[in-house]
Amino acid sequence: MATAARTDYSRAARLFHALSDEIRLEVIDLLRDGERCVCELTDALDIAQPRLSWHLKALKEAGILTDRREGRWVYYALARDTFEEAEALLSVLKPNARRLPTRGSSCC
């Protein structure tokens, strides 16, 4: 298991930033059952293709999506390993104690 000393917080920030948008989360939800073409995603989300492309780029740069081209169509799928990475990053940040320590007299 990763420890805080070995955690790449820069990577964690990029990953969680990509997950911090409602449209991107909807894209992820749509891809949970397998890959989809950009046109399918555009229709399902009812957004313009340039706007969707901007979100797909952010997800791809974070390693959350993979893509493949078939003729003039691009198909996107989730990168399962990245979700396992996100779980590991969250487990590093999970509190060790159930309650916050009380302030003792030795603290400022």
N, C-alpha and C. Protein backbone atom coordinates (compact mmCIF):
# COMPACT_ATOMS: atom_id res chain seq x y z
N MET A 1 0.84 -1.18 0.00
CA MET A 1 0.00 0.00 0.00
C MET A 1 0.89 1.24 0.00
N ALA A 2 0.46 2.25 -0.69
CA ALA A 2 1.22 3.50 -0.75
C ALA A 2 1.15 4.23 0.58
N THR A 3 2.20 4.97 0.87
CA THR A 3 2.20 5.79 2.07
C THR A 3 2.26 7.24 1.65
N ALA A 4 1.96 8.11 2.60
CA ALA A 4 1.97 9.54 2.30
C ALA A 4 3.34 9.99 1.79
N ALA A 5 4.42 9.39 2.31
CA ALA A 5 5.77 9.78 1.91
C ALA A 5 6.03 9.43 0.44
N ARG A 6 5.36 8.42 -0.09
CA ARG A 6 5.58 8.00 -1.47
C ARG A 6 4.43 8.39 -2.40
N THR A 7 3.47 9.13 -1.91
CA THR A 7 2.32 9.52 -2.72
C THR A 7 2.68 10.68 -3.63
N ASP A 8 2.29 10.57 -4.87
CA ASP A 8 2.49 11.64 -5.85
C ASP A 8 1.26 12.55 -5.77
N TYR A 9 1.36 13.59 -4.95
CA TYR A 9 0.21 14.48 -4.75
C TYR A 9 -0.10 15.30 -6.00
N SER A 10 0.90 15.53 -6.83
CA SER A 10 0.66 16.23 -8.08
C SER A 10 -0.23 15.38 -8.98
N ARG A 11 0.07 14.11 -9.05
CA ARG A 11 -0.75 13.18 -9.84
C ARG A 11 -2.16 13.10 -9.25
N ALA A 12 -2.25 13.00 -7.95
CA ALA A 12 -3.56 12.93 -7.29
C ALA A 12 -4.39 14.17 -7.61
N ALA A 13 -3.77 15.33 -7.57
CA ALA A 13 -4.49 16.57 -7.85
C ALA A 13 -5.01 16.59 -9.29
N ARG A 14 -4.19 16.15 -10.25
CA ARG A 14 -4.63 16.10 -11.65
C ARG A 14 -5.79 15.13 -11.83
N LEU A 15 -5.68 13.99 -11.19
CA LEU A 15 -6.72 12.98 -11.31
C LEU A 15 -8.04 13.46 -10.70
N PHE A 16 -7.98 13.97 -9.49
CA PHE A 16 -9.21 14.40 -8.82
C PHE A 16 -9.77 15.68 -9.44
N HIS A 17 -8.93 16.51 -10.01
CA HIS A 17 -9.44 17.69 -10.72
C HIS A 17 -10.26 17.25 -11.92
N ALA A 18 -9.77 16.25 -12.64
CA ALA A 18 -10.52 15.74 -13.80
C ALA A 18 -11.86 15.15 -13.38
N LEU A 19 -11.94 14.65 -12.17
CA LEU A 19 -13.18 14.05 -11.66
C LEU A 19 -14.11 15.07 -11.00
N SER A 20 -13.69 16.33 -10.97
CA SER A 20 -14.45 17.33 -10.21
C SER A 20 -15.47 18.11 -11.04
N ASP A 21 -15.88 17.55 -12.15
CA ASP A 21 -16.84 18.24 -13.00
C ASP A 21 -18.05 17.33 -13.24
N GLU A 22 -19.24 17.89 -13.16
CA GLU A 22 -20.48 17.12 -13.30
C GLU A 22 -20.59 16.45 -14.67
N ILE A 23 -20.24 17.16 -15.72
CA ILE A 23 -20.33 16.57 -17.06
C ILE A 23 -19.35 15.41 -17.20
N ARG A 24 -18.16 15.57 -16.67
CA ARG A 24 -17.17 14.49 -16.75
C ARG A 24 -17.63 13.27 -15.97
N LEU A 25 -18.28 13.49 -14.84
CA LEU A 25 -18.82 12.35 -14.08
C LEU A 25 -19.94 11.67 -14.86
N GLU A 26 -20.74 12.44 -15.57
CA GLU A 26 -21.79 11.85 -16.41
C GLU A 26 -21.17 11.03 -17.55
N VAL A 27 -20.09 11.52 -18.14
CA VAL A 27 -19.39 10.77 -19.18
C VAL A 27 -18.92 9.44 -18.61
N ILE A 28 -18.31 9.48 -17.45
CA ILE A 28 -17.83 8.25 -16.81
C ILE A 28 -18.97 7.28 -16.57
N ASP A 29 -20.09 7.80 -16.08
CA ASP A 29 -21.25 6.95 -15.84
C ASP A 29 -21.73 6.29 -17.13
N LEU A 30 -21.75 7.05 -18.22
CA LEU A 30 -22.19 6.51 -19.51
C LEU A 30 -21.24 5.43 -20.04
N LEU A 31 -19.97 5.51 -19.66
CA LEU A 31 -18.97 4.55 -20.15
C LEU A 31 -18.79 3.34 -19.24
N ARG A 32 -19.51 3.29 -18.14
CA ARG A 32 -19.34 2.18 -17.20
C ARG A 32 -19.64 0.82 -17.83
N ASP A 33 -20.55 0.78 -18.81
CA ASP A 33 -20.92 -0.48 -19.43
C ASP A 33 -20.14 -0.78 -20.70
N GLY A 34 -19.18 0.05 -21.04
CA GLY A 34 -18.35 -0.21 -22.21
C GLY A 34 -18.15 1.04 -23.04
N GLU A 35 -17.37 0.88 -24.09
CA GLU A 35 -17.01 2.03 -24.91
C GLU A 35 -18.19 2.58 -25.69
N ARG A 36 -18.06 3.87 -26.00
CA ARG A 36 -19.08 4.57 -26.80
C ARG A 36 -18.41 5.53 -27.75
N CYS A 37 -19.10 5.77 -28.84
CA CYS A 37 -18.66 6.73 -29.84
C CYS A 37 -18.97 8.15 -29.34
N VAL A 38 -18.20 9.10 -29.79
CA VAL A 38 -18.42 10.50 -29.42
C VAL A 38 -19.85 10.92 -29.74
N CYS A 39 -20.36 10.50 -30.88
CA CYS A 39 -21.72 10.92 -31.25
C CYS A 39 -22.76 10.38 -30.26
N GLU A 40 -22.54 9.17 -29.73
CA GLU A 40 -23.46 8.62 -28.73
C GLU A 40 -23.40 9.44 -27.44
N LEU A 41 -22.20 9.83 -27.05
CA LEU A 41 -22.04 10.64 -25.83
C LEU A 41 -22.68 12.01 -26.00
N THR A 42 -22.48 12.60 -27.16
CA THR A 42 -23.06 13.92 -27.45
C THR A 42 -24.58 13.86 -27.33
N ASP A 43 -25.18 12.85 -27.94
CA ASP A 43 -26.64 12.69 -27.88
C ASP A 43 -27.12 12.44 -26.46
N ALA A 44 -26.44 11.54 -25.74
CA ALA A 44 -26.87 11.18 -24.39
C ALA A 44 -26.78 12.37 -23.43
N LEU A 45 -25.77 13.20 -23.60
CA LEU A 45 -25.57 14.34 -22.71
C LEU A 45 -26.26 15.60 -23.19
N ASP A 46 -26.69 15.59 -24.44
CA ASP A 46 -27.35 16.74 -25.06
C ASP A 46 -26.49 18.01 -24.95
N ILE A 47 -25.21 17.85 -25.33
CA ILE A 47 -24.30 19.00 -25.36
C ILE A 47 -23.61 19.05 -26.72
N ALA A 48 -23.09 20.19 -27.06
CA ALA A 48 -22.40 20.38 -28.33
C ALA A 48 -21.10 19.58 -28.35
N GLN A 49 -20.73 19.10 -29.52
CA GLN A 49 -19.54 18.28 -29.66
C GLN A 49 -18.26 18.99 -29.22
N PRO A 50 -18.06 20.29 -29.53
CA PRO A 50 -16.83 20.95 -29.05
C PRO A 50 -16.74 20.98 -27.52
N ARG A 51 -17.86 21.20 -26.86
CA ARG A 51 -17.86 21.21 -25.39
C ARG A 51 -17.54 19.82 -24.84
N LEU A 52 -18.12 18.79 -25.44
CA LEU A 52 -17.84 17.42 -25.01
C LEU A 52 -16.37 17.08 -25.24
N SER A 53 -15.84 17.49 -26.39
CA SER A 53 -14.44 17.21 -26.70
C SER A 53 -13.50 17.80 -25.66
N TRP A 54 -13.83 18.98 -25.18
CA TRP A 54 -13.02 19.62 -24.14
C TRP A 54 -13.00 18.76 -22.87
N HIS A 55 -14.15 18.23 -22.48
CA HIS A 55 -14.23 17.38 -21.30
C HIS A 55 -13.55 16.02 -21.53
N LEU A 56 -13.72 15.47 -22.71
CA LEU A 56 -13.06 14.20 -23.03
C LEU A 56 -11.54 14.36 -22.99
N LYS A 57 -11.06 15.48 -23.47
CA LYS A 57 -9.61 15.75 -23.44
C LYS A 57 -9.10 15.78 -22.00
N ALA A 58 -9.83 16.44 -21.11
CA ALA A 58 -9.43 16.51 -19.71
C ALA A 58 -9.38 15.12 -19.08
N LEU A 59 -10.39 14.30 -19.38
CA LEU A 59 -10.43 12.94 -18.83
C LEU A 59 -9.32 12.08 -19.42
N LYS A 60 -9.05 12.25 -20.69
CA LYS A 60 -7.99 11.47 -21.33
C LYS A 60 -6.62 11.87 -20.80
N GLU A 61 -6.37 13.16 -20.65
CA GLU A 61 -5.08 13.63 -20.13
C GLU A 61 -4.83 13.14 -18.71
N ALA A 62 -5.90 12.95 -17.94
CA ALA A 62 -5.77 12.43 -16.58
C ALA A 62 -5.62 10.92 -16.56
N GLY A 63 -5.74 10.29 -17.72
CA GLY A 63 -5.59 8.84 -17.79
C GLY A 63 -6.87 8.09 -17.45
N ILE A 64 -7.99 8.78 -17.36
CA ILE A 64 -9.25 8.16 -16.98
C ILE A 64 -9.90 7.47 -18.18
N LEU A 65 -9.65 7.99 -19.38
CA LEU A 65 -10.22 7.43 -20.60
C LEU A 65 -9.13 6.96 -21.55
N THR A 66 -9.49 5.96 -22.34
CA THR A 66 -8.69 5.58 -23.49
C THR A 66 -9.56 5.80 -24.72
N ASP A 67 -8.93 5.92 -25.86
CA ASP A 67 -9.71 6.09 -27.08
C ASP A 67 -9.13 5.23 -28.19
N ARG A 68 -9.97 4.96 -29.17
CA ARG A 68 -9.52 4.26 -30.37
C ARG A 68 -10.29 4.83 -31.54
N ARG A 69 -9.62 4.91 -32.66
CA ARG A 69 -10.22 5.46 -33.87
C ARG A 69 -10.60 4.30 -34.79
N GLU A 70 -11.80 4.40 -35.32
CA GLU A 70 -12.27 3.44 -36.30
C GLU A 70 -12.86 4.24 -37.46
N GLY A 71 -12.09 4.37 -38.51
CA GLY A 71 -12.51 5.24 -39.61
C GLY A 71 -12.55 6.68 -39.14
N ARG A 72 -13.67 7.32 -39.31
CA ARG A 72 -13.78 8.72 -38.87
C ARG A 72 -14.36 8.85 -37.47
N TRP A 73 -14.67 7.74 -36.83
CA TRP A 73 -15.27 7.76 -35.50
C TRP A 73 -14.23 7.48 -34.42
N VAL A 74 -14.42 8.11 -33.28
CA VAL A 74 -13.55 7.87 -32.12
C VAL A 74 -14.41 7.28 -31.02
N TYR A 75 -13.92 6.18 -30.45
CA TYR A 75 -14.62 5.49 -29.38
C TYR A 75 -13.83 5.66 -28.09
N TYR A 76 -14.54 5.93 -27.00
CA TYR A 76 -13.91 6.13 -25.70
C TYR A 76 -14.33 5.02 -24.74
N ALA A 77 -13.41 4.67 -23.85
CA ALA A 77 -13.66 3.67 -22.81
C ALA A 77 -12.93 4.10 -21.54
N LEU A 78 -13.36 3.55 -20.42
CA LEU A 78 -12.72 3.85 -19.14
C LEU A 78 -11.44 3.05 -18.97
N ALA A 79 -10.46 3.66 -18.34
CA ALA A 79 -9.20 2.98 -18.02
C ALA A 79 -9.31 2.45 -16.59
N ARG A 80 -9.60 1.19 -16.47
CA ARG A 80 -9.87 0.57 -15.16
C ARG A 80 -8.73 0.79 -14.16
N ASP A 81 -7.50 0.71 -14.62
CA ASP A 81 -6.34 0.88 -13.73
C ASP A 81 -6.34 2.24 -13.04
N THR A 82 -6.83 3.25 -13.71
CA THR A 82 -6.85 4.59 -13.12
C THR A 82 -7.81 4.66 -11.94
N PHE A 83 -8.91 3.92 -12.01
CA PHE A 83 -9.85 3.92 -10.89
C PHE A 83 -9.25 3.19 -9.69
N GLU A 84 -8.47 2.16 -9.94
CA GLU A 84 -7.76 1.47 -8.86
C GLU A 84 -6.71 2.40 -8.24
N GLU A 85 -6.07 3.19 -9.09
CA GLU A 85 -5.10 4.18 -8.61
C GLU A 85 -5.80 5.22 -7.72
N ALA A 86 -6.97 5.69 -8.16
CA ALA A 86 -7.72 6.67 -7.37
C ALA A 86 -8.12 6.10 -6.01
N GLU A 87 -8.53 4.85 -5.99
CA GLU A 87 -8.88 4.20 -4.71
C GLU A 87 -7.67 4.14 -3.79
N ALA A 88 -6.52 3.82 -4.34
CA ALA A 88 -5.29 3.76 -3.54
C ALA A 88 -4.92 5.14 -3.00
N LEU A 89 -5.06 6.16 -3.84
CA LEU A 89 -4.77 7.52 -3.39
C LEU A 89 -5.71 7.94 -2.27
N LEU A 90 -6.98 7.61 -2.40
CA LEU A 90 -7.94 7.94 -1.33
C LEU A 90 -7.63 7.20 -0.05
N SER A 91 -7.19 5.95 -0.16
CA SER A 91 -6.90 5.20 1.06
C SER A 91 -5.72 5.79 1.82
N VAL A 92 -4.76 6.39 1.09
CA VAL A 92 -3.64 7.06 1.74
C VAL A 92 -4.12 8.27 2.53
N LEU A 93 -5.12 8.95 2.00
CA LEU A 93 -5.62 10.17 2.63
C LEU A 93 -6.68 9.92 3.70
N LYS A 94 -7.14 8.69 3.80
CA LYS A 94 -8.16 8.35 4.78
C LYS A 94 -7.62 8.56 6.20
N PRO A 95 -8.42 9.16 7.06
CA PRO A 95 -7.95 9.39 8.44
C PRO A 95 -7.62 8.08 9.14
N ASN A 96 -6.55 8.11 9.93
CA ASN A 96 -6.15 6.93 10.69
C ASN A 96 -6.99 6.76 11.95
N ALA A 97 -7.37 7.86 12.56
CA ALA A 97 -8.12 7.82 13.82
C ALA A 97 -9.60 8.06 13.53
N ARG A 98 -10.44 7.56 14.42
CA ARG A 98 -11.88 7.77 14.26
C ARG A 98 -12.28 9.18 14.66
N ARG A 99 -11.59 9.74 15.62
CA ARG A 99 -11.91 11.10 16.07
C ARG A 99 -10.67 11.95 15.98
N LEU A 100 -10.88 13.24 15.82
CA LEU A 100 -9.76 14.15 15.82
C LEU A 100 -9.17 14.22 17.22
N PRO A 101 -7.87 14.33 17.33
CA PRO A 101 -7.27 14.45 18.65
C PRO A 101 -7.68 15.76 19.31
N THR A 102 -7.84 15.70 20.62
CA THR A 102 -8.17 16.93 21.34
C THR A 102 -6.89 17.73 21.53
N ARG A 103 -7.05 19.02 21.60
CA ARG A 103 -5.88 19.87 21.79
C ARG A 103 -5.40 19.76 23.22
N GLY A 104 -4.18 19.39 23.34
CA GLY A 104 -3.58 19.29 24.66
C GLY A 104 -2.94 20.61 25.06
N SER A 105 -2.50 20.69 26.28
CA SER A 105 -1.88 21.91 26.76
C SER A 105 -0.52 22.14 26.13
N SER A 106 0.06 21.11 25.49
CA SER A 106 1.39 21.27 24.90
C SER A 106 1.36 21.93 23.52
N CYS A 107 0.17 22.15 23.00
CA CYS A 107 0.06 22.78 21.67
C CYS A 107 -0.11 24.27 21.83
N CYS A 108 0.48 25.02 20.94
CA CYS A 108 0.43 26.48 20.94
C CYS A 108 -0.52 26.97 21.96
